Protein backbone atom coordinates (compact mmCIF):
# COMPACT_ATOMS: atom_id res chain seq x y z
CA MET A 1 9.44 -16.18 29.21
CA GLU A 2 12.17 -18.47 27.89
CA PRO A 3 9.91 -20.69 25.71
CA LEU A 4 8.28 -17.64 24.11
CA TYR A 5 11.72 -16.08 23.51
CA GLN A 6 12.98 -19.29 21.87
CA GLN A 7 9.86 -19.54 19.70
CA THR A 8 10.16 -15.90 18.62
CA HIS A 9 13.89 -16.30 17.92
CA LYS A 10 13.13 -19.36 15.79
CA GLN A 11 10.48 -17.42 13.85
CA VAL A 12 12.95 -14.61 13.17
CA HIS A 13 15.35 -17.12 11.62
CA GLU A 14 12.53 -18.62 9.56
CA VAL A 15 11.62 -15.16 8.24
CA GLN A 16 15.28 -14.58 7.34
CA SER A 17 15.31 -17.80 5.31
CA HIS A 18 12.01 -16.81 3.63
CA MET A 19 13.59 -13.48 2.63
CA GLY A 20 16.04 -15.49 0.53
CA ARG A 21 13.09 -17.10 -1.26
CA LEU A 22 11.87 -13.67 -2.39
CA GLU A 23 14.72 -13.28 -4.86
CA THR A 24 14.08 -16.66 -6.48
CA ALA A 25 10.27 -16.70 -6.40
CA ASP A 26 8.36 -16.42 -9.66
CA LYS A 27 5.89 -13.59 -10.22
CA GLN A 28 2.81 -15.66 -9.34
CA SER A 29 4.05 -16.84 -5.94
CA LEU A 30 5.92 -13.62 -5.11
CA HIS A 31 2.90 -11.91 -3.56
CA LEU A 32 2.11 -15.03 -1.54
CA VAL A 33 5.64 -15.16 -0.15
CA GLU A 34 5.55 -11.43 0.66
CA ASN A 35 2.22 -11.80 2.45
CA GLU A 36 3.50 -14.82 4.36
CA ILE A 37 6.60 -12.92 5.47
CA GLN A 38 4.56 -9.87 6.49
CA ALA A 39 2.18 -12.04 8.51
CA SER A 40 5.12 -13.67 10.28
CA ILE A 41 6.65 -10.28 11.04
CA ASP A 42 3.35 -9.04 12.46
CA GLN A 43 3.08 -12.14 14.62
CA ILE A 44 6.65 -11.66 15.86
CA PHE A 45 5.88 -8.03 16.78
CA SER A 46 2.91 -9.16 18.89
CA GLN A 47 5.10 -11.76 20.59
CA LEU A 48 7.73 -9.10 21.26
CA GLU A 49 5.14 -6.98 23.03
CA ARG A 50 4.33 -9.92 25.28
CA LEU A 51 8.05 -10.54 25.81
CA GLU A 52 8.57 -6.92 26.87
CA ILE A 53 5.84 -7.28 29.48
CA LEU A 54 7.28 -10.57 30.70
CA SER A 55 10.83 -9.18 30.79
CA SER A 56 9.70 -6.36 33.08
CA LYS A 57 8.34 -9.02 35.47
CA GLU A 58 11.64 -10.91 35.65
CA PRO A 59 13.65 -10.83 38.88
CA PRO A 60 15.92 -7.76 39.11
CA ASN A 61 19.13 -9.73 38.53
CA LYS A 62 17.77 -11.21 35.22
CA ARG A 63 15.70 -8.25 34.07
CA GLN A 64 18.51 -6.33 32.33
CA ASN A 65 19.63 -9.38 30.37
CA ALA A 66 16.06 -10.25 29.39
CA LYS A 67 15.40 -6.70 28.15
CA LEU A 68 18.61 -6.76 26.10
CA ARG A 69 17.62 -10.02 24.46
CA VAL A 70 14.13 -8.69 23.63
CA ASP A 71 15.61 -5.43 22.28
CA GLN A 72 18.00 -7.42 20.08
CA LEU A 73 15.09 -9.43 18.68
CA LYS A 74 13.11 -6.24 18.09
CA TYR A 75 16.09 -4.73 16.26
CA ASP A 76 16.39 -7.83 14.05
CA VAL A 77 12.69 -7.80 13.21
CA GLN A 78 12.76 -4.10 12.35
CA HIS A 79 15.60 -4.79 9.93
CA LEU A 80 13.63 -7.62 8.38
CA GLN A 81 10.63 -5.30 7.99
CA THR A 82 12.85 -2.68 6.32
CA ALA A 83 14.39 -5.27 4.01
CA LEU A 84 10.92 -6.45 2.97
CA ARG A 85 9.80 -2.88 2.25
CA ASN A 86 12.96 -2.21 0.23
CA PHE A 87 12.37 -5.37 -1.79
CA GLN A 88 8.76 -4.38 -2.45
CA HIS A 89 9.84 -0.89 -3.50
CA ARG A 90 12.47 -2.27 -5.92
CA ARG A 91 9.93 -4.73 -7.34
CA TYR A 92 7.37 -1.98 -7.82
CA ALA A 93 9.94 0.26 -9.56
CA ARG A 94 11.03 -2.63 -11.80
CA GLU A 95 7.42 -3.43 -12.74
CA GLN A 96 6.75 0.22 -13.50
CA GLN A 97 9.83 0.38 -15.73
CA GLU A 98 8.68 -2.74 -17.56
CA ARG A 99 5.22 -1.25 -18.12
CA GLN A 100 6.74 1.99 -19.42
CA ARG A 101 9.08 0.07 -21.70
CA GLU A 102 6.22 -1.99 -23.12
CA GLU A 103 4.19 1.18 -23.63
CA LEU A 104 7.04 2.82 -25.52
CA LEU A 105 7.64 -0.26 -27.64
CA SER A 106 3.97 -0.46 -28.55
CA ARG A 107 3.96 3.07 -29.93
CA THR A 108 4.69 3.62 -33.59
CA PHE A 109 6.90 6.52 -34.47
CA THR A 110 6.26 7.07 -38.15
CA THR A 111 6.15 10.45 -39.83
CA ASN A 112 3.62 9.15 -42.34
CA GLY A 113 1.20 8.35 -39.57
CA THR A 114 1.72 11.78 -38.05
CA GLN A 115 1.29 13.48 -41.41
CA LYS A 116 -1.94 11.56 -41.99
CA LYS A 117 -3.25 12.64 -38.60
CA ILE A 118 -2.43 16.27 -39.36
CA LEU A 119 -4.25 16.03 -42.69
CA ASP A 120 -7.26 14.45 -41.01
CA ILE A 121 -7.35 17.28 -38.48
CA ALA A 122 -7.04 19.84 -41.27
CA ASN A 123 -9.97 18.20 -43.07
CA MET A 124 -12.01 18.41 -39.89
CA LEU A 125 -11.19 22.09 -39.58
CA GLY A 126 -12.45 22.66 -43.11
CA LEU A 127 -9.23 23.63 -44.88
CA SER A 128 -9.50 23.35 -48.63
CA ASN A 129 -7.71 20.72 -50.65
CA THR A 130 -5.59 23.42 -52.30
CA VAL A 131 -4.30 24.66 -48.95
CA MET A 132 -3.58 21.10 -47.86
CA ARG A 133 -1.60 20.42 -51.07
CA LEU A 134 0.42 23.57 -50.46
CA ILE A 135 1.18 22.38 -46.92
CA GLU A 136 2.31 18.98 -48.24
CA LYS A 137 4.47 20.64 -50.92
CA ARG A 138 6.02 22.94 -48.31
CA ALA A 139 6.78 19.97 -46.01
CA PHE A 140 8.44 18.18 -48.95
CA GLN A 141 10.55 21.27 -49.77
CA ASP A 142 11.46 21.79 -46.11
CA LYS A 143 12.87 18.28 -46.00
CA TYR A 144 15.27 19.08 -48.86
CA PHE A 145 16.29 22.37 -47.23
CA MET A 146 17.04 20.47 -43.99
CA ILE A 147 19.14 17.83 -45.80
CA GLY A 148 20.98 20.53 -47.78
CA GLY A 149 21.68 22.48 -44.58
CA MET A 150 23.04 19.37 -42.87
CA LEU A 151 25.33 18.62 -45.83
CA PHE A 152 26.52 22.24 -45.95
CA THR A 153 27.28 22.16 -42.20
CA CYS A 154 29.25 18.92 -42.60
CA VAL A 155 31.30 20.39 -45.48
CA VAL A 156 32.06 23.54 -43.45
CA MET A 157 33.09 21.46 -40.42
CA PHE A 158 35.31 19.28 -42.65
CA LEU A 159 36.99 22.36 -44.18
CA VAL A 160 37.55 23.91 -40.71
CA VAL A 161 39.16 20.70 -39.47
CA GLN A 162 41.36 20.50 -42.61
CA TYR A 163 42.39 24.13 -42.26
CA LEU A 164 43.20 23.93 -38.52
CA THR A 165 45.22 20.73 -38.68
């Protein structure tokens, strides 16, 4: 049992050192490192199963100590597994945020483009040119009403502040 325990213990420490490589790995080798770590963890779990069987076959005076050592290794490996999953989750969330950011940056937010799309849709629906010109004129007038309303609101707020102070 002792050689298998030592080998498994050594593998646990190797996996811990590989976990440090995850943070510094580039995007191309990141998946390879993750797969390598996961394969090592799976191998350690299979060795732990064998160690549990062997520890139950130890003499009674050594059995308790052997089971404690195997349980400690199992606890360490479970934490490594959790750390790997957390890293993968953070990486996935970061990649998703990057994709969403790129998608937002690739969009164009222009009112002219929107207005052109509306006019194209209106043409498809068969609205006459006269009606479309009236819509454009109304949109132009609405813009001035909005600007005038904003200026009026600012003047009123300024006068209220002057009056109250």
